[in-house]
């Protein structure tokens, strides 16, 4: 299990290094300033779910050890 978590952490850090568009969707500020402990984003393929999530992760004030990105 530890190996899988370490692998996921490496993939996550690679994903964070990818360039993101400067354009922010209308819901960006609401998600970034949300006090919710858990947020789910769903929708069709290719609409920008991962992009907005990565923008929020990069711009949030949390430490890297406090961030968790999961998808299925």
PDB file of N, CA and C in Angstrom:
ATOM      1  N   UNK A   1       0.824  -1.193   0.000  1.00  0.00           N
ATOM      2  CA  UNK A   1       0.000   0.000   0.000  1.00  0.00           C
ATOM      3  C   UNK A   1       0.868   1.257   0.000  1.00  0.00           C
ATOM      4  N   UNK A   2       1.933   1.246   0.769  1.00  0.00           N
ATOM      5  CA  UNK A   2       2.826   2.408   0.833  1.00  0.00           C
ATOM      6  C   UNK A   2       3.427   2.685  -0.548  1.00  0.00           C
ATOM      7  N   UNK A   3       3.779   1.617  -1.267  1.00  0.00           N
ATOM      8  CA  UNK A   3       4.355   1.790  -2.602  1.00  0.00           C
ATOM      9  C   UNK A   3       3.363   2.475  -3.543  1.00  0.00           C
ATOM     10  N   UNK A   4       2.104   2.089  -3.446  1.00  0.00           N
ATOM     11  CA  UNK A   4       1.083   2.694  -4.299  1.00  0.00           C
ATOM     12  C   UNK A   4       0.905   4.172  -3.981  1.00  0.00           C
ATOM     13  N   UNK A   5       0.959   4.512  -2.698  1.00  0.00           N
ATOM     14  CA  UNK A   5       0.833   5.917  -2.306  1.00  0.00           C
ATOM     15  C   UNK A   5       2.028   6.732  -2.789  1.00  0.00           C
ATOM     16  N   UNK A   6       3.220   6.160  -2.687  1.00  0.00           N
ATOM     17  CA  UNK A   6       4.415   6.854  -3.167  1.00  0.00           C
ATOM     18  C   UNK A   6       4.353   7.058  -4.681  1.00  0.00           C
ATOM     19  N   UNK A   7       3.879   6.044  -5.393  1.00  0.00           N
ATOM     20  CA  UNK A   7       3.728   6.151  -6.845  1.00  0.00           C
ATOM     21  C   UNK A   7       2.713   7.244  -7.194  1.00  0.00           C
ATOM     22  N   UNK A   8       1.604   7.269  -6.480  1.00  0.00           N
ATOM     23  CA  UNK A   8       0.577   8.288  -6.711  1.00  0.00           C
ATOM     24  C   UNK A   8       1.130   9.684  -6.424  1.00  0.00           C
ATOM     25  N   UNK A   9       1.945   9.794  -5.397  1.00  0.00           N
ATOM     26  CA  UNK A   9       2.547  11.085  -5.047  1.00  0.00           C
ATOM     27  C   UNK A   9       3.472  11.572  -6.168  1.00  0.00           C
ATOM     28  N   UNK A  10       4.240  10.652  -6.760  1.00  0.00           N
ATOM     29  CA  UNK A  10       5.117  11.022  -7.872  1.00  0.00           C
ATOM     30  C   UNK A  10       4.308  11.464  -9.092  1.00  0.00           C
ATOM     31  N   UNK A  11       3.246  10.738  -9.393  1.00  0.00           N
ATOM     32  CA  UNK A  11       2.393  11.123 -10.521  1.00  0.00           C
ATOM     33  C   UNK A  11       1.764  12.491 -10.298  1.00  0.00           C
ATOM     34  N   UNK A  12       1.327  12.722  -9.070  1.00  0.00           N
ATOM     35  CA  UNK A  12       0.711  13.999  -8.693  1.00  0.00           C
ATOM     36  C   UNK A  12       1.699  15.148  -8.884  1.00  0.00           C
ATOM     37  N   UNK A  13       2.944  14.961  -8.440  1.00  0.00           N
ATOM     38  CA  UNK A  13       3.919  16.040  -8.572  1.00  0.00           C
ATOM     39  C   UNK A  13       4.259  16.295 -10.041  1.00  0.00           C
ATOM     40  N   UNK A  14       4.274  15.245 -10.860  1.00  0.00           N
ATOM     41  CA  UNK A  14       4.481  15.437 -12.297  1.00  0.00           C
ATOM     42  C   UNK A  14       3.321  16.209 -12.917  1.00  0.00           C
ATOM     43  N   UNK A  15       2.116  15.884 -12.509  1.00  0.00           N
ATOM     44  CA  UNK A  15       0.918  16.555 -13.028  1.00  0.00           C
ATOM     45  C   UNK A  15       0.946  18.044 -12.665  1.00  0.00           C
ATOM     46  N   UNK A  16       1.413  18.359 -11.456  1.00  0.00           N
ATOM     47  CA  UNK A  16       1.464  19.758 -11.019  1.00  0.00           C
ATOM     48  C   UNK A  16       2.478  20.578 -11.808  1.00  0.00           C
ATOM     49  N   UNK A  17       3.483  19.931 -12.364  1.00  0.00           N
ATOM     50  CA  UNK A  17       4.507  20.653 -13.120  1.00  0.00           C
ATOM     51  C   UNK A  17       4.065  20.997 -14.537  1.00  0.00           C
ATOM     52  N   UNK A  18       2.989  20.388 -14.995  1.00  0.00           N
ATOM     53  CA  UNK A  18       2.516  20.666 -16.351  1.00  0.00           C
ATOM     54  C   UNK A  18       1.936  22.080 -16.426  1.00  0.00           C
ATOM     55  N   UNK A  19       2.172  22.762 -17.548  1.00  0.00           N
ATOM     56  CA  UNK A  19       1.614  24.117 -17.691  1.00  0.00           C
ATOM     57  C   UNK A  19       0.089  24.081 -17.762  1.00  0.00           C
ATOM     58  N   UNK A  20      -0.526  25.059 -17.131  1.00  0.00           N
ATOM     59  CA  UNK A  20      -1.980  25.168 -17.123  1.00  0.00           C
ATOM     60  C   UNK A  20      -2.401  26.455 -17.826  1.00  0.00           C
ATOM     61  N   UNK A  21      -3.581  26.470 -18.423  1.00  0.00           N
ATOM     62  CA  UNK A  21      -4.046  27.706 -19.067  1.00  0.00           C
ATOM     63  C   UNK A  21      -4.294  28.808 -18.037  1.00  0.00           C
ATOM     64  N   UNK A  22      -4.104  30.040 -18.439  1.00  0.00           N
ATOM     65  CA  UNK A  22      -4.333  31.158 -17.522  1.00  0.00           C
ATOM     66  C   UNK A  22      -5.823  31.443 -17.347  1.00  0.00           C
ATOM     67  N   UNK A  23      -6.637  30.981 -18.276  1.00  0.00           N
ATOM     68  CA  UNK A  23      -8.085  31.165 -18.203  1.00  0.00           C
ATOM     69  C   UNK A  23      -8.651  30.423 -16.998  1.00  0.00           C
ATOM     70  N   UNK A  24      -9.506  31.097 -16.221  1.00  0.00           N
ATOM     71  CA  UNK A  24     -10.158  30.477 -15.060  1.00  0.00           C
ATOM     72  C   UNK A  24     -11.659  30.418 -15.315  1.00  0.00           C
ATOM     73  N   UNK A  25     -12.255  29.293 -15.078  1.00  0.00           N
ATOM     74  CA  UNK A  25     -13.698  29.119 -15.277  1.00  0.00           C
ATOM     75  C   UNK A  25     -14.477  29.914 -14.228  1.00  0.00           C
ATOM     76  N   UNK A  26     -15.756  30.151 -14.518  1.00  0.00           N
ATOM     77  CA  UNK A  26     -16.603  30.981 -13.656  1.00  0.00           C
ATOM     78  C   UNK A  26     -16.711  30.447 -12.231  1.00  0.00           C
ATOM     79  N   UNK A  27     -16.571  29.169 -12.033  1.00  0.00           N
ATOM     80  CA  UNK A  27     -16.735  28.560 -10.709  1.00  0.00           C
ATOM     81  C   UNK A  27     -15.421  28.510  -9.920  1.00  0.00           C
ATOM     82  N   UNK A  28     -14.333  28.948 -10.543  1.00  0.00           N
ATOM     83  CA  UNK A  28     -13.005  28.868  -9.931  1.00  0.00           C
ATOM     84  C   UNK A  28     -12.958  29.527  -8.549  1.00  0.00           C
ATOM     85  N   UNK A  29     -13.380  30.779  -8.450  1.00  0.00           N
ATOM     86  CA  UNK A  29     -13.308  31.500  -7.170  1.00  0.00           C
ATOM     87  C   UNK A  29     -14.169  30.843  -6.095  1.00  0.00           C
ATOM     88  N   UNK A  30     -15.349  30.358  -6.475  1.00  0.00           N
ATOM     89  CA  UNK A  30     -16.218  29.678  -5.511  1.00  0.00           C
ATOM     90  C   UNK A  30     -15.547  28.431  -4.952  1.00  0.00           C
ATOM     91  N   UNK A  31     -14.902  27.669  -5.814  1.00  0.00           N
ATOM     92  CA  UNK A  31     -14.231  26.452  -5.361  1.00  0.00           C
ATOM     93  C   UNK A  31     -12.998  26.772  -4.523  1.00  0.00           C
ATOM     94  N   UNK A  32     -12.226  27.761  -4.945  1.00  0.00           N
ATOM     95  CA  UNK A  32     -11.003  28.118  -4.229  1.00  0.00           C
ATOM     96  C   UNK A  32     -11.306  28.631  -2.826  1.00  0.00           C
ATOM     97  N   UNK A  33     -12.379  29.386  -2.670  1.00  0.00           N
ATOM     98  CA  UNK A  33     -12.718  29.985  -1.378  1.00  0.00           C
ATOM     99  C   UNK A  33     -13.720  29.171  -0.574  1.00  0.00           C
ATOM    100  N   UNK A  34     -14.033  27.996  -1.019  1.00  0.00           N
ATOM    101  CA  UNK A  34     -15.011  27.148  -0.339  1.00  0.00           C
ATOM    102  C   UNK A  34     -14.465  26.653   1.002  1.00  0.00           C
ATOM    103  N   UNK A  35     -15.347  26.554   1.982  1.00  0.00           N
ATOM    104  CA  UNK A  35     -14.950  26.009   3.284  1.00  0.00           C
ATOM    105  C   UNK A  35     -15.291  24.526   3.387  1.00  0.00           C
ATOM    106  N   UNK A  36     -15.762  23.945   2.299  1.00  0.00           N
ATOM    107  CA  UNK A  36     -16.123  22.525   2.296  1.00  0.00           C
ATOM    108  C   UNK A  36     -14.888  21.658   2.502  1.00  0.00           C
ATOM    109  N   UNK A  37     -15.054  20.582   3.239  1.00  0.00           N
ATOM    110  CA  UNK A  37     -13.951  19.657   3.467  1.00  0.00           C
ATOM    111  C   UNK A  37     -13.755  18.710   2.290  1.00  0.00           C
ATOM    112  N   UNK A  38     -14.798  18.518   1.508  1.00  0.00           N
ATOM    113  CA  UNK A  38     -14.741  17.623   0.356  1.00  0.00           C
ATOM    114  C   UNK A  38     -15.532  18.248  -0.784  1.00  0.00           C
ATOM    115  N   UNK A  39     -14.946  18.258  -1.955  1.00  0.00           N
ATOM    116  CA  UNK A  39     -15.621  18.788  -3.134  1.00  0.00           C
ATOM    117  C   UNK A  39     -15.530  17.766  -4.250  1.00  0.00           C
ATOM    118  N   UNK A  40     -16.647  17.490  -4.885  1.00  0.00           N
ATOM    119  CA  UNK A  40     -16.674  16.571  -6.027  1.00  0.00           C
ATOM    120  C   UNK A  40     -17.000  17.363  -7.279  1.00  0.00           C
ATOM    121  N   UNK A  41     -16.251  17.113  -8.322  1.00  0.00           N
ATOM    122  CA  UNK A  41     -16.495  17.751  -9.608  1.00  0.00           C
ATOM    123  C   UNK A  41     -16.763  16.635 -10.606  1.00  0.00           C
ATOM    124  N   UNK A  42     -17.894  16.710 -11.272  1.00  0.00           N
ATOM    125  CA  UNK A  42     -18.219  15.672 -12.246  1.00  0.00           C
ATOM    126  C   UNK A  42     -18.725  16.311 -13.528  1.00  0.00           C
ATOM    127  N   UNK A  43     -18.634  15.568 -14.600  1.00  0.00           N
ATOM    128  CA  UNK A  43     -19.096  16.061 -15.887  1.00  0.00           C
ATOM    129  C   UNK A  43     -18.555  15.218 -17.016  1.00  0.00           C
ATOM    130  N   UNK A  44     -18.883  15.603 -18.219  1.00  0.00           N
ATOM    131  CA  UNK A  44     -18.446  14.882 -19.412  1.00  0.00           C
ATOM    132  C   UNK A  44     -16.939  14.977 -19.587  1.00  0.00           C
ATOM    133  N   UNK A  45     -16.419  14.084 -20.407  1.00  0.00           N
ATOM    134  CA  UNK A  45     -14.988  14.091 -20.708  1.00  0.00           C
ATOM    135  C   UNK A  45     -14.607  15.361 -21.455  1.00  0.00           C
ATOM    136  N   UNK A  46     -13.431  15.895 -21.108  1.00  0.00           N
ATOM    137  CA  UNK A  46     -12.883  17.005 -21.868  1.00  0.00           C
ATOM    138  C   UNK A  46     -13.463  18.372 -21.589  1.00  0.00           C
ATOM    139  N   UNK A  47     -14.176  18.533 -20.474  1.00  0.00           N
ATOM    140  CA  UNK A  47     -14.774  19.838 -20.187  1.00  0.00           C
ATOM    141  C   UNK A  47     -13.922  20.689 -19.249  1.00  0.00           C
ATOM    142  N   UNK A  48     -12.815  20.135 -18.718  1.00  0.00           N
ATOM    143  CA  UNK A  48     -11.904  20.921 -17.891  1.00  0.00           C
ATOM    144  C   UNK A  48     -11.935  20.619 -16.409  1.00  0.00           C
ATOM    145  N   UNK A  49     -12.468  19.482 -16.014  1.00  0.00           N
ATOM    146  CA  UNK A  49     -12.549  19.140 -14.584  1.00  0.00           C
ATOM    147  C   UNK A  49     -11.158  19.049 -13.957  1.00  0.00           C
ATOM    148  N   UNK A  50     -10.273  18.318 -14.601  1.00  0.00           N
ATOM    149  CA  UNK A  50      -8.918  18.164 -14.076  1.00  0.00           C
ATOM    150  C   UNK A  50      -8.174  19.486 -14.113  1.00  0.00           C
ATOM    151  N   UNK A  51      -8.354  20.257 -15.153  1.00  0.00           N
ATOM    152  CA  UNK A  51      -7.669  21.542 -15.279  1.00  0.00           C
ATOM    153  C   UNK A  51      -8.044  22.478 -14.140  1.00  0.00           C
ATOM    154  N   UNK A  52      -9.323  22.620 -13.854  1.00  0.00           N
ATOM    155  CA  UNK A  52      -9.733  23.524 -12.770  1.00  0.00           C
ATOM    156  C   UNK A  52      -9.264  22.995 -11.418  1.00  0.00           C
ATOM    157  N   UNK A  53      -9.271  21.682 -11.256  1.00  0.00           N
ATOM    158  CA  UNK A  53      -8.770  21.100 -10.010  1.00  0.00           C
ATOM    159  C   UNK A  53      -7.290  21.406  -9.820  1.00  0.00           C
ATOM    160  N   UNK A  54      -6.498  21.240 -10.866  1.00  0.00           N
ATOM    161  CA  UNK A  54      -5.066  21.502 -10.762  1.00  0.00           C
ATOM    162  C   UNK A  54      -4.791  22.991 -10.542  1.00  0.00           C
ATOM    163  N   UNK A  55      -5.587  23.871 -11.144  1.00  0.00           N
ATOM    164  CA  UNK A  55      -5.431  25.306 -10.901  1.00  0.00           C
ATOM    165  C   UNK A  55      -5.703  25.627  -9.433  1.00  0.00           C
ATOM    166  N   UNK A  56      -6.734  25.031  -8.874  1.00  0.00           N
ATOM    167  CA  UNK A  56      -7.081  25.273  -7.475  1.00  0.00           C
ATOM    168  C   UNK A  56      -6.005  24.719  -6.554  1.00  0.00           C
ATOM    169  N   UNK A  57      -5.512  23.536  -6.855  1.00  0.00           N
ATOM    170  CA  UNK A  57      -4.453  22.941  -6.034  1.00  0.00           C
ATOM    171  C   UNK A  57      -3.218  23.830  -6.044  1.00  0.00           C
ATOM    172  N   UNK A  58      -2.844  24.334  -7.217  1.00  0.00           N
ATOM    173  CA  UNK A  58      -1.660  25.195  -7.307  1.00  0.00           C
ATOM    174  C   UNK A  58      -1.856  26.516  -6.565  1.00  0.00           C
ATOM    175  N   UNK A  59      -3.068  27.067  -6.608  1.00  0.00           N
ATOM    176  CA  UNK A  59      -3.317  28.388  -6.041  1.00  0.00           C
ATOM    177  C   UNK A  59      -3.771  28.364  -4.580  1.00  0.00           C
ATOM    178  N   UNK A  60      -4.038  27.205  -4.027  1.00  0.00           N
ATOM    179  CA  UNK A  60      -4.517  27.139  -2.643  1.00  0.00           C
ATOM    180  C   UNK A  60      -3.373  27.395  -1.666  1.00  0.00           C
ATOM    181  N   UNK A  61      -3.734  27.749  -0.449  1.00  0.00           N
ATOM    182  CA  UNK A  61      -2.747  28.100   0.570  1.00  0.00           C
ATOM    183  C   UNK A  61      -2.285  26.899   1.390  1.00  0.00           C
ATOM    184  N   UNK A  62      -2.800  25.731   1.099  1.00  0.00           N
ATOM    185  CA  UNK A  62      -2.422  24.548   1.860  1.00  0.00           C
ATOM    186  C   UNK A  62      -1.011  24.093   1.506  1.00  0.00           C
ATOM    187  N   UNK A  63      -0.366  23.424   2.457  1.00  0.00           N
ATOM    188  CA  UNK A  63       0.936  22.819   2.201  1.00  0.00           C
ATOM    189  C   UNK A  63       0.733  21.608   1.301  1.00  0.00           C
ATOM    190  N   UNK A  64       1.798  21.211   0.616  1.00  0.00           N
ATOM    191  CA  UNK A  64       1.705  20.051  -0.280  1.00  0.00           C
ATOM    192  C   UNK A  64       1.249  18.802   0.467  1.00  0.00           C
ATOM    193  N   UNK A  65       1.676  18.646   1.702  1.00  0.00           N
ATOM    194  CA  UNK A  65       1.310  17.449   2.474  1.00  0.00           C
ATOM    195  C   UNK A  65      -0.164  17.448   2.885  1.00  0.00           C
ATOM    196  N   UNK A  66      -0.855  18.579   2.733  1.00  0.00           N
ATOM    197  CA  UNK A  66      -2.261  18.678   3.118  1.00  0.00           C
ATOM    198  C   UNK A  66      -3.204  18.550   1.924  1.00  0.00           C
ATOM    199  N   UNK A  67      -2.661  18.392   0.733  1.00  0.00           N
ATOM    200  CA  UNK A  67      -3.481  18.326  -0.472  1.00  0.00           C
ATOM    201  C   UNK A  67      -3.645  16.882  -0.914  1.00  0.00           C
ATOM    202  N   UNK A  68      -4.842  16.562  -1.372  1.00  0.00           N
ATOM    203  CA  UNK A  68      -5.117  15.226  -1.891  1.00  0.00           C
ATOM    204  C   UNK A  68      -5.958  15.355  -3.149  1.00  0.00           C
ATOM    205  N   UNK A  69      -5.489  14.758  -4.205  1.00  0.00           N
ATOM    206  CA  UNK A  69      -6.178  14.788  -5.498  1.00  0.00           C
ATOM    207  C   UNK A  69      -6.489  13.349  -5.880  1.00  0.00           C
ATOM    208  N   UNK A  70      -7.772  13.043  -6.043  1.00  0.00           N
ATOM    209  CA  UNK A  70      -8.182  11.683  -6.400  1.00  0.00           C
ATOM    210  C   UNK A  70      -9.094  11.749  -7.614  1.00  0.00           C
ATOM    211  N   UNK A  71      -9.021  10.737  -8.426  1.00  0.00           N
ATOM    212  CA  UNK A  71      -9.911  10.661  -9.580  1.00  0.00           C
ATOM    213  C   UNK A  71     -10.223   9.206  -9.884  1.00  0.00           C
ATOM    214  N   UNK A  72     -11.269   9.014 -10.646  1.00  0.00           N
ATOM    215  CA  UNK A  72     -11.589   7.652 -11.098  1.00  0.00           C
ATOM    216  C   UNK A  72     -12.190   7.703 -12.483  1.00  0.00           C
TER     217      UNK A  72
END
